[in-house]
Structure formats: C-alpha cells, structure tokens
C-alpha cells in the first residue's frame, strides 16, 4: 500500500453501544478497502482493522476486532 494508491479516505465518529466515541477510518484503494476502528477510554486505546473488497465487510471486520479487544466480547 502506497499513499499514491489511495482513491479516497474519510473518518467517521459515532457512539458505541457502550456510549464511547468510536473513530472509524475508511481508506479506499483500487482493489480493496482498509478500515480501522479505534476507541480511547480510561482503560487505554484499542484498535481493530479490516480489509475487504466490500467497504461494509471491511468495516464489520474492524468493528468486531475492536469490540473483542476493548470489551472482550
């Protein structure tokens, strides 16, 4: 992955089901999406990531990994 290969990127903020702010970054490449999700709370900083050809599937992967890391669920 190289910066010149990025087609678009955006960052979305929303409240998690536990009322903590989640940052979701979506980076589009020509052949896939890279999505990261992060939460910073009093226990630390937690991160999840997902890579897929479909943006929604990459986001689901990232959020699932994030929730497992942050909440052990």
Protein backbone atom coordinates (compact mmCIF):
# COMPACT_ATOMS: atom_id res chain seq x y z
CA UNK A 1 0.00 0.00 0.00
CA UNK A 2 1.34 3.33 -1.02
CA UNK A 3 -0.12 6.78 -0.42
CA UNK A 4 -0.36 7.41 -4.16
CA UNK A 5 -2.63 4.36 -4.50
CA UNK A 6 -5.35 5.81 -2.23
CA UNK A 7 -8.52 6.72 -4.13
CA UNK A 8 -10.39 8.26 -1.19
CA UNK A 9 -10.46 8.39 2.60
CA UNK A 10 -12.78 9.61 5.32
CA UNK A 11 -13.20 9.45 9.08
CA UNK A 12 -16.50 8.88 10.86
CA UNK A 13 -17.19 9.37 14.57
CA UNK A 14 -20.09 7.72 16.39
CA UNK A 15 -21.07 6.43 19.83
CA UNK A 16 -20.56 2.72 20.51
CA UNK A 17 -23.19 0.54 22.13
CA UNK A 18 -21.33 1.29 25.38
CA UNK A 19 -21.63 5.07 24.82
CA UNK A 20 -17.97 5.62 23.98
CA UNK A 21 -16.79 7.51 20.93
CA UNK A 22 -15.58 5.29 18.09
CA UNK A 23 -13.44 6.60 15.27
CA UNK A 24 -13.85 4.69 12.02
CA UNK A 25 -11.39 5.45 9.22
CA UNK A 26 -12.17 4.22 5.71
CA UNK A 27 -9.44 4.18 3.08
CA UNK A 28 -10.33 3.13 -0.46
CA UNK A 29 -7.74 1.58 -2.75
CA UNK A 30 -8.37 0.47 -6.34
CA UNK A 31 -8.94 -3.17 -5.35
CA UNK A 32 -9.94 -3.11 -1.66
CA UNK A 33 -10.95 -1.09 1.39
CA UNK A 34 -8.85 -0.74 4.53
CA UNK A 35 -10.90 0.23 7.58
CA UNK A 36 -9.65 0.94 11.09
CA UNK A 37 -11.76 1.45 14.19
CA UNK A 38 -10.48 2.88 17.46
CA UNK A 39 -11.67 3.70 20.96
CA UNK A 40 -9.77 5.58 23.65
CA UNK A 41 -11.13 5.21 27.17
CA UNK A 42 -9.89 5.08 30.76
CA UNK A 43 -8.54 1.53 30.21
CA UNK A 44 -6.42 2.56 27.21
CA UNK A 45 -6.50 2.76 23.44
CA UNK A 46 -7.98 -0.08 21.40
CA UNK A 47 -7.82 -0.74 17.68
CA UNK A 48 -9.43 -3.04 15.15
CA UNK A 49 -8.85 -3.28 11.42
CA UNK A 50 -10.46 -4.86 8.43
CA UNK A 51 -9.53 -5.37 4.80
CA UNK A 52 -12.02 -6.46 2.15
CA UNK A 53 -13.19 -5.72 -1.38
CA UNK A 54 -16.52 -4.54 0.08
CA UNK A 55 -16.47 -1.47 2.36
CA UNK A 56 -19.23 -2.77 4.64
CA UNK A 57 -17.45 -6.10 5.18
CA UNK A 58 -14.16 -4.37 5.97
CA UNK A 59 -15.96 -2.13 8.49
CA UNK A 60 -17.62 -5.13 10.13
CA UNK A 61 -14.26 -6.86 10.50
CA UNK A 62 -12.72 -3.75 12.04
CA UNK A 63 -15.57 -3.21 14.50
CA UNK A 64 -15.69 -6.87 15.50
CA UNK A 65 -11.95 -6.88 16.23
CA UNK A 66 -12.27 -3.57 18.09
CA UNK A 67 -15.08 -4.80 20.32
CA UNK A 68 -13.21 -8.01 21.11
CA UNK A 69 -10.09 -6.01 22.03
CA UNK A 70 -11.88 -3.31 24.01
CA UNK A 71 -14.69 -5.23 25.67
CA UNK A 72 -13.66 -8.90 25.45
CA UNK A 73 -16.86 -9.68 23.51
